[in-house]
C-alpha atoms as a PDB file:
ATOM      1  CA  UNK A   1     -41.551 109.133 -72.109  1.00  0.00           C
ATOM      2  CA  UNK A   2     -40.975 105.521 -71.060  1.00  0.00           C
ATOM      3  CA  UNK A   3     -42.803 102.553 -72.540  1.00  0.00           C
ATOM      4  CA  UNK A   4     -45.125 100.662 -70.179  1.00  0.00           C
ATOM      5  CA  UNK A   5     -43.681  97.337 -71.315  1.00  0.00           C
ATOM      6  CA  UNK A   6     -40.223  98.493 -70.139  1.00  0.00           C
ATOM      7  CA  UNK A   7     -41.334  99.079 -66.531  1.00  0.00           C
ATOM      8  CA  UNK A   8     -41.611  96.320 -63.941  1.00  0.00           C
ATOM      9  CA  UNK A   9     -43.221  96.710 -60.532  1.00  0.00           C
ATOM     10  CA  UNK A  10     -41.807  94.871 -57.534  1.00  0.00           C
ATOM     11  CA  UNK A  11     -42.723  94.112 -53.956  1.00  0.00           C
ATOM     12  CA  UNK A  12     -39.621  92.845 -52.173  1.00  0.00           C
ATOM     13  CA  UNK A  13     -40.143  91.107 -48.837  1.00  0.00           C
ATOM     14  CA  UNK A  14     -38.597  88.762 -46.310  1.00  0.00           C
ATOM     15  CA  UNK A  15     -39.554  87.308 -42.923  1.00  0.00           C
ATOM     16  CA  UNK A  16     -36.251  87.688 -41.055  1.00  0.00           C
ATOM     17  CA  UNK A  17     -36.776  91.296 -39.973  1.00  0.00           C
ATOM     18  CA  UNK A  18     -35.054  91.858 -36.623  1.00  0.00           C
ATOM     19  CA  UNK A  19     -37.176  94.766 -35.358  1.00  0.00           C
ATOM     20  CA  UNK A  20     -40.619  93.369 -36.214  1.00  0.00           C
ATOM     21  CA  UNK A  21     -40.245  89.649 -37.025  1.00  0.00           C
ATOM     22  CA  UNK A  22     -42.516  88.062 -39.628  1.00  0.00           C
ATOM     23  CA  UNK A  23     -44.504  91.270 -39.994  1.00  0.00           C
ATOM     24  CA  UNK A  24     -45.370  90.505 -43.620  1.00  0.00           C
ATOM     25  CA  UNK A  25     -47.572  87.520 -42.754  1.00  0.00           C
ATOM     26  CA  UNK A  26     -48.743  88.240 -39.205  1.00  0.00           C
ATOM     27  CA  UNK A  27     -52.495  88.858 -38.774  1.00  0.00           C
ATOM     28  CA  UNK A  28     -53.265  92.486 -39.568  1.00  0.00           C
ATOM     29  CA  UNK A  29     -56.888  93.703 -39.613  1.00  0.00           C
ATOM     30  CA  UNK A  30     -58.155  90.301 -40.821  1.00  0.00           C
ATOM     31  CA  UNK A  31     -55.496  90.109 -43.525  1.00  0.00           C
ATOM     32  CA  UNK A  32     -51.680  90.538 -43.768  1.00  0.00           C
ATOM     33  CA  UNK A  33     -49.327  93.247 -45.016  1.00  0.00           C
ATOM     34  CA  UNK A  34     -48.275  91.247 -48.066  1.00  0.00           C
ATOM     35  CA  UNK A  35     -51.874  90.398 -49.009  1.00  0.00           C
ATOM     36  CA  UNK A  36     -52.901  94.053 -48.734  1.00  0.00           C
ATOM     37  CA  UNK A  37     -50.091  95.304 -50.938  1.00  0.00           C
ATOM     38  CA  UNK A  38     -50.569  92.636 -53.608  1.00  0.00           C
ATOM     39  CA  UNK A  39     -54.290  93.401 -53.774  1.00  0.00           C
ATOM     40  CA  UNK A  40     -53.652  97.143 -54.147  1.00  0.00           C
ATOM     41  CA  UNK A  41     -51.226  96.635 -57.010  1.00  0.00           C
ATOM     42  CA  UNK A  42     -53.533  94.170 -58.769  1.00  0.00           C
ATOM     43  CA  UNK A  43     -56.134  96.962 -58.844  1.00  0.00           C
ATOM     44  CA  UNK A  44     -53.743  99.211 -60.788  1.00  0.00           C
ATOM     45  CA  UNK A  45     -55.259 100.704 -63.908  1.00  0.00           C
ATOM     46  CA  UNK A  46     -51.926 101.414 -65.618  1.00  0.00           C
ATOM     47  CA  UNK A  47     -49.399  98.584 -65.468  1.00  0.00           C
ATOM     48  CA  UNK A  48     -50.537  95.129 -66.643  1.00  0.00           C
ATOM     49  CA  UNK A  49     -50.362  92.374 -64.048  1.00  0.00           C
ATOM     50  CA  UNK A  50     -47.716  90.596 -66.122  1.00  0.00           C
ATOM     51  CA  UNK A  51     -45.303  93.426 -65.187  1.00  0.00           C
ATOM     52  CA  UNK A  52     -45.777  92.751 -61.460  1.00  0.00           C
ATOM     53  CA  UNK A  53     -43.419  90.507 -59.451  1.00  0.00           C
ATOM     54  CA  UNK A  54     -43.051  89.721 -55.776  1.00  0.00           C
ATOM     55  CA  UNK A  55     -39.403  89.066 -54.928  1.00  0.00           C
ATOM     56  CA  UNK A  56     -39.266  86.690 -51.964  1.00  0.00           C
ATOM     57  CA  UNK A  57     -37.631  83.521 -50.657  1.00  0.00           C
ATOM     58  CA  UNK A  58     -39.606  82.331 -47.638  1.00  0.00           C
ATOM     59  CA  UNK A  59     -42.083  79.554 -48.457  1.00  0.00           C
ATOM     60  CA  UNK A  60     -44.947  81.408 -46.719  1.00  0.00           C
ATOM     61  CA  UNK A  61     -44.422  84.424 -48.971  1.00  0.00           C
ATOM     62  CA  UNK A  62     -44.159  82.254 -52.076  1.00  0.00           C
ATOM     63  CA  UNK A  63     -47.497  80.700 -51.093  1.00  0.00           C
ATOM     64  CA  UNK A  64     -49.027  84.177 -50.811  1.00  0.00           C
ATOM     65  CA  UNK A  65     -47.874  85.052 -54.307  1.00  0.00           C
ATOM     66  CA  UNK A  66     -49.199  81.780 -55.676  1.00  0.00           C
ATOM     67  CA  UNK A  67     -52.553  82.352 -53.977  1.00  0.00           C
ATOM     68  CA  UNK A  68     -52.898  85.704 -55.756  1.00  0.00           C
ATOM     69  CA  UNK A  69     -51.613  84.323 -59.059  1.00  0.00           C
ATOM     70  CA  UNK A  70     -48.790  86.856 -59.397  1.00  0.00           C
ATOM     71  CA  UNK A  71     -45.265  86.416 -60.774  1.00  0.00           C
ATOM     72  CA  UNK A  72     -42.677  85.282 -58.242  1.00  0.00           C
ATOM     73  CA  UNK A  73     -38.924  85.891 -58.333  1.00  0.00           C
ATOM     74  CA  UNK A  74     -37.198  83.661 -55.776  1.00  0.00           C
ATOM     75  CA  UNK A  75     -34.468  85.552 -53.930  1.00  0.00           C
ATOM     76  CA  UNK A  76     -31.184  84.029 -52.805  1.00  0.00           C
ATOM     77  CA  UNK A  77     -29.989  83.681 -49.210  1.00  0.00           C
ATOM     78  CA  UNK A  78     -27.445  86.427 -49.863  1.00  0.00           C
ATOM     79  CA  UNK A  79     -30.190  88.827 -50.916  1.00  0.00           C
ATOM     80  CA  UNK A  80     -32.475  88.271 -47.924  1.00  0.00           C
ATOM     81  CA  UNK A  81     -29.568  88.458 -45.472  1.00  0.00           C
ATOM     82  CA  UNK A  82     -27.927  91.516 -47.014  1.00  0.00           C
ATOM     83  CA  UNK A  83     -27.976  94.720 -44.952  1.00  0.00           C
ATOM     84  CA  UNK A  84     -27.556  97.185 -47.821  1.00  0.00           C
ATOM     85  CA  UNK A  85     -23.852  96.583 -48.438  1.00  0.00           C
ATOM     86  CA  UNK A  86     -24.458  96.351 -52.187  1.00  0.00           C
ATOM     87  CA  UNK A  87     -27.582  97.513 -53.993  1.00  0.00           C
ATOM     88  CA  UNK A  88     -26.985  94.991 -56.786  1.00  0.00           C
ATOM     89  CA  UNK A  89     -26.954  92.154 -54.229  1.00  0.00           C
ATOM     90  CA  UNK A  90     -30.169  93.194 -52.476  1.00  0.00           C
ATOM     91  CA  UNK A  91     -31.925  93.790 -55.803  1.00  0.00           C
ATOM     92  CA  UNK A  92     -30.360  90.780 -57.504  1.00  0.00           C
ATOM     93  CA  UNK A  93     -33.208  90.651 -60.035  1.00  0.00           C
ATOM     94  CA  UNK A  94     -31.850  93.771 -61.797  1.00  0.00           C
ATOM     95  CA  UNK A  95     -30.363  91.705 -64.639  1.00  0.00           C
ATOM     96  CA  UNK A  96     -32.895  88.871 -64.532  1.00  0.00           C
ATOM     97  CA  UNK A  97     -36.304  90.517 -64.873  1.00  0.00           C
ATOM     98  CA  UNK A  98     -37.185  91.567 -68.456  1.00  0.00           C
ATOM     99  CA  UNK A  99     -37.466  95.320 -67.855  1.00  0.00           C
ATOM    100  CA  UNK A 100     -35.342  98.451 -68.306  1.00  0.00           C
ATOM    101  CA  UNK A 101     -36.863 100.185 -65.285  1.00  0.00           C
ATOM    102  CA  UNK A 102     -38.412  99.168 -61.993  1.00  0.00           C
ATOM    103  CA  UNK A 103     -40.871 100.642 -59.505  1.00  0.00           C
ATOM    104  CA  UNK A 104     -40.862  99.361 -55.930  1.00  0.00           C
ATOM    105  CA  UNK A 105     -43.743  99.617 -53.470  1.00  0.00           C
ATOM    106  CA  UNK A 106     -43.161  99.300 -49.730  1.00  0.00           C
ATOM    107  CA  UNK A 107     -45.668  96.776 -48.374  1.00  0.00           C
ATOM    108  CA  UNK A 108     -45.189  98.191 -44.861  1.00  0.00           C
ATOM    109  CA  UNK A 109     -47.093 101.371 -45.784  1.00  0.00           C
ATOM    110  CA  UNK A 110     -50.576  99.964 -45.286  1.00  0.00           C
ATOM    111  CA  UNK A 111     -52.426 103.261 -45.865  1.00  0.00           C
ATOM    112  CA  UNK A 112     -50.904 103.817 -49.312  1.00  0.00           C
ATOM    113  CA  UNK A 113     -53.719 103.936 -51.881  1.00  0.00           C
ATOM    114  CA  UNK A 114     -53.833 102.292 -55.317  1.00  0.00           C
ATOM    115  CA  UNK A 115     -54.650 105.707 -56.798  1.00  0.00           C
ATOM    116  CA  UNK A 116     -51.400 107.117 -55.396  1.00  0.00           C
ATOM    117  CA  UNK A 117     -49.440 104.154 -56.752  1.00  0.00           C
ATOM    118  CA  UNK A 118     -51.010 104.732 -60.176  1.00  0.00           C
ATOM    119  CA  UNK A 119     -50.162 108.453 -60.084  1.00  0.00           C
ATOM    120  CA  UNK A 120     -46.558 107.514 -59.284  1.00  0.00           C
ATOM    121  CA  UNK A 121     -46.458 105.024 -62.169  1.00  0.00           C
ATOM    122  CA  UNK A 122     -47.856 107.582 -64.604  1.00  0.00           C
ATOM    123  CA  UNK A 123     -45.451 110.274 -63.407  1.00  0.00           C
ATOM    124  CA  UNK A 124     -42.525 107.887 -63.891  1.00  0.00           C
ATOM    125  CA  UNK A 125     -43.678 106.959 -67.389  1.00  0.00           C
ATOM    126  CA  UNK A 126     -43.742 110.650 -68.312  1.00  0.00           C
ATOM    127  CA  UNK A 127     -40.472 111.541 -66.539  1.00  0.00           C
ATOM    128  CA  UNK A 128     -37.194 111.902 -68.410  1.00  0.00           C
ATOM    129  CA  UNK A 129     -35.297 110.886 -65.249  1.00  0.00           C
ATOM    130  CA  UNK A 130     -34.154 107.367 -64.363  1.00  0.00           C
ATOM    131  CA  UNK A 131     -34.805 107.933 -60.656  1.00  0.00           C
ATOM    132  CA  UNK A 132     -37.998 108.886 -58.857  1.00  0.00           C
ATOM    133  CA  UNK A 133     -38.564 109.008 -55.090  1.00  0.00           C
ATOM    134  CA  UNK A 134     -41.737 109.410 -53.047  1.00  0.00           C
ATOM    135  CA  UNK A 135     -41.491 112.317 -50.597  1.00  0.00           C
ATOM    136  CA  UNK A 136     -43.588 114.190 -48.029  1.00  0.00           C
ATOM    137  CA  UNK A 137     -43.914 117.962 -48.334  1.00  0.00           C
ATOM    138  CA  UNK A 138     -43.066 119.744 -45.067  1.00  0.00           C
ATOM    139  CA  UNK A 139     -43.700 123.399 -44.279  1.00  0.00           C
ATOM    140  CA  UNK A 140     -41.967 124.014 -40.977  1.00  0.00           C
ATOM    141  CA  UNK A 141     -38.810 125.448 -39.418  1.00  0.00           C
ATOM    142  CA  UNK A 142     -35.632 123.418 -39.895  1.00  0.00           C
ATOM    143  CA  UNK A 143     -32.097 123.880 -38.578  1.00  0.00           C
ATOM    144  CA  UNK A 144     -28.743 122.209 -39.127  1.00  0.00           C
ATOM    145  CA  UNK A 145     -26.958 120.643 -36.178  1.00  0.00           C
ATOM    146  CA  UNK A 146     -24.769 123.743 -35.946  1.00  0.00           C
ATOM    147  CA  UNK A 147     -27.843 125.982 -35.592  1.00  0.00           C
ATOM    148  CA  UNK A 148     -27.946 127.303 -39.156  1.00  0.00           C
ATOM    149  CA  UNK A 149     -31.553 128.075 -40.124  1.00  0.00           C
ATOM    150  CA  UNK A 150     -32.537 126.225 -43.294  1.00  0.00           C
ATOM    151  CA  UNK A 151     -36.089 127.368 -44.051  1.00  0.00           C
ATOM    152  CA  UNK A 152     -36.406 130.366 -46.419  1.00  0.00           C
ATOM    153  CA  UNK A 153     -39.620 132.263 -45.618  1.00  0.00           C
ATOM    154  CA  UNK A 154     -41.377 135.589 -45.708  1.00  0.00           C
ATOM    155  CA  UNK A 155     -42.603 135.719 -42.119  1.00  0.00           C
ATOM    156  CA  UNK A 156     -40.877 134.177 -39.114  1.00  0.00           C
ATOM    157  CA  UNK A 157     -44.173 133.650 -37.278  1.00  0.00           C
ATOM    158  CA  UNK A 158     -46.074 131.791 -39.994  1.00  0.00           C
ATOM    159  CA  UNK A 159     -44.998 128.368 -41.281  1.00  0.00           C
ATOM    160  CA  UNK A 160     -47.594 128.622 -44.071  1.00  0.00           C
ATOM    161  CA  UNK A 161     -45.261 131.041 -45.845  1.00  0.00           C
ATOM    162  CA  UNK A 162     -42.262 128.721 -45.502  1.00  0.00           C
ATOM    163  CA  UNK A 163     -40.747 127.302 -48.657  1.00  0.00           C
ATOM    164  CA  UNK A 164     -41.422 123.547 -48.500  1.00  0.00           C
ATOM    165  CA  UNK A 165     -38.741 121.042 -47.636  1.00  0.00           C
ATOM    166  CA  UNK A 166     -39.203 117.419 -48.689  1.00  0.00           C
ATOM    167  CA  UNK A 167     -38.787 114.379 -46.457  1.00  0.00           C
ATOM    168  CA  UNK A 168     -38.295 110.810 -47.662  1.00  0.00           C
ATOM    169  CA  UNK A 169     -41.596 108.939 -47.603  1.00  0.00           C
ATOM    170  CA  UNK A 170     -40.057 105.444 -47.962  1.00  0.00           C
ATOM    171  CA  UNK A 171     -43.069 104.049 -49.789  1.00  0.00           C
ATOM    172  CA  UNK A 172     -42.527 104.490 -53.553  1.00  0.00           C
ATOM    173  CA  UNK A 173     -39.246 104.246 -55.461  1.00  0.00           C
ATOM    174  CA  UNK A 174     -38.139 103.924 -59.075  1.00  0.00           C
ATOM    175  CA  UNK A 175     -34.893 103.514 -60.969  1.00  0.00           C
ATOM    176  CA  UNK A 176     -33.233 101.843 -63.929  1.00  0.00           C
ATOM    177  CA  UNK A 177     -32.028  98.248 -63.899  1.00  0.00           C
ATOM    178  CA  UNK A 178     -28.722  99.340 -65.405  1.00  0.00           C
ATOM    179  CA  UNK A 179     -28.094 101.772 -62.541  1.00  0.00           C
ATOM    180  CA  UNK A 180     -28.851  99.055 -59.977  1.00  0.00           C
ATOM    181  CA  UNK A 181     -26.242  96.884 -61.659  1.00  0.00           C
ATOM    182  CA  UNK A 182     -23.772  99.705 -60.998  1.00  0.00           C
ATOM    183  CA  UNK A 183     -24.890  99.887 -57.345  1.00  0.00           C
ATOM    184  CA  UNK A 184     -26.858 103.099 -57.901  1.00  0.00           C
ATOM    185  CA  UNK A 185     -30.483 103.264 -56.828  1.00  0.00           C
ATOM    186  CA  UNK A 186     -32.726 106.088 -58.065  1.00  0.00           C
ATOM    187  CA  UNK A 187     -29.727 108.116 -59.237  1.00  0.00           C
ATOM    188  CA  UNK A 188     -27.122 110.211 -57.460  1.00  0.00           C
ATOM    189  CA  UNK A 189     -28.744 112.150 -54.614  1.00  0.00           C
ATOM    190  CA  UNK A 190     -25.785 114.554 -54.589  1.00  0.00           C
ATOM    191  CA  UNK A 191     -26.423 115.500 -58.215  1.00  0.00           C
ATOM    192  CA  UNK A 192     -29.171 118.116 -58.213  1.00  0.00           C
ATOM    193  CA  UNK A 193     -32.126 117.196 -60.397  1.00  0.00           C
ATOM    194  CA  UNK A 194     -31.039 113.634 -61.105  1.00  0.00           C
ATOM    195  CA  UNK A 195     -33.739 112.166 -58.860  1.00  0.00           C
ATOM    196  CA  UNK A 196     -37.281 113.403 -59.510  1.00  0.00           C
ATOM    197  CA  UNK A 197     -39.365 113.917 -56.377  1.00  0.00           C
ATOM    198  CA  UNK A 198     -42.973 112.744 -56.192  1.00  0.00           C
ATOM    199  CA  UNK A 199     -45.116 114.136 -53.383  1.00  0.00           C
ATOM    200  CA  UNK A 200     -47.158 111.534 -51.494  1.00  0.00           C
ATOM    201  CA  UNK A 201     -49.998 112.473 -49.090  1.00  0.00           C
ATOM    202  CA  UNK A 202     -48.436 112.269 -45.637  1.00  0.00           C
ATOM    203  CA  UNK A 203     -51.354 110.289 -44.203  1.00  0.00           C
ATOM    204  CA  UNK A 204     -50.521 107.441 -46.612  1.00  0.00           C
ATOM    205  CA  UNK A 205     -46.873 107.130 -45.591  1.00  0.00           C
ATOM    206  CA  UNK A 206     -47.013 105.586 -42.091  1.00  0.00           C
ATOM    207  CA  UNK A 207     -44.310 102.910 -42.225  1.00  0.00           C
ATOM    208  CA  UNK A 208     -43.921  99.799 -40.042  1.00  0.00           C
ATOM    209  CA  UNK A 209     -40.424  99.082 -38.726  1.00  0.00           C
ATOM    210  CA  UNK A 210     -41.100  98.371 -35.048  1.00  0.00           C
ATOM    211  CA  UNK A 211     -43.684  96.464 -33.020  1.00  0.00           C
ATOM    212  CA  UNK A 212     -45.380  99.628 -31.771  1.00  0.00           C
ATOM    213  CA  UNK A 213     -45.726 100.842 -35.365  1.00  0.00           C
ATOM    214  CA  UNK A 214     -47.367  97.555 -36.376  1.00  0.00           C
ATOM    215  CA  UNK A 215     -49.982  98.064 -33.659  1.00  0.00           C
ATOM    216  CA  UNK A 216     -50.537 101.740 -34.495  1.00  0.00           C
ATOM    217  CA  UNK A 217     -50.802 100.993 -38.228  1.00  0.00           C
ATOM    218  CA  UNK A 218     -53.457  98.350 -37.574  1.00  0.00           C
ATOM    219  CA  UNK A 219     -55.474 100.803 -35.482  1.00  0.00           C
ATOM    220  CA  UNK A 220     -55.205 103.490 -38.174  1.00  0.00           C
ATOM    221  CA  UNK A 221     -56.127 101.024 -40.910  1.00  0.00           C
ATOM    222  CA  UNK A 222     -59.198  99.766 -39.041  1.00  0.00           C
ATOM    223  CA  UNK A 223     -60.311 103.315 -38.352  1.00  0.00           C
ATOM    224  CA  UNK A 224     -59.866 104.372 -41.972  1.00  0.00           C
ATOM    225  CA  UNK A 225     -61.613 101.388 -43.498  1.00  0.00           C
ATOM    226  CA  UNK A 226     -63.952 100.547 -40.586  1.00  0.00           C
ATOM    227  CA  UNK A 227     -63.044  96.875 -40.744  1.00  0.00           C
END
């Protein structure tokens, strides 16, 4: 069992995305991606707001954080320009924020609900693992590139009987600050059981990387919330 005061929650963002530039602050259903995510986390019923930081550098994102009255960690140029060469460089706050553990929320998943975020936080508090990763449960047929069938099942004609396989959701993550300092994020994926999986409803996991996804996400969001 982890202590609440030992867990920080972070939104990390930048505006220099190559595939969908400035997506964090572009108009999205009468708001923006960064505003939506901040508002969801502020509604959390578990972690106090003092544990919440946005980690940004661009002045427009700093202004967003100030508008919402949340803590701001100002990233370096090296961090915002890094392309995952070193985890400790991207997450440079690992030895600067006053927490043993961190939860990250992907602001590009606009359909992710506060209730799901809170369930993830609670599960991480109760977990004895340093790493936790949001995943989507899949019941389908899967093969390796060489044709090897990977889905254990009772009946070949019914995917409902298939043993589930889990796909990365890329919306909720957790790990220890010490591990990040050693360039490990959420534990060793090759070490069975080191990373605890947390199932997220698939309809909440639509992620925005490309322009077409930004447009689709806005349509889905408007339809869901009738804005």
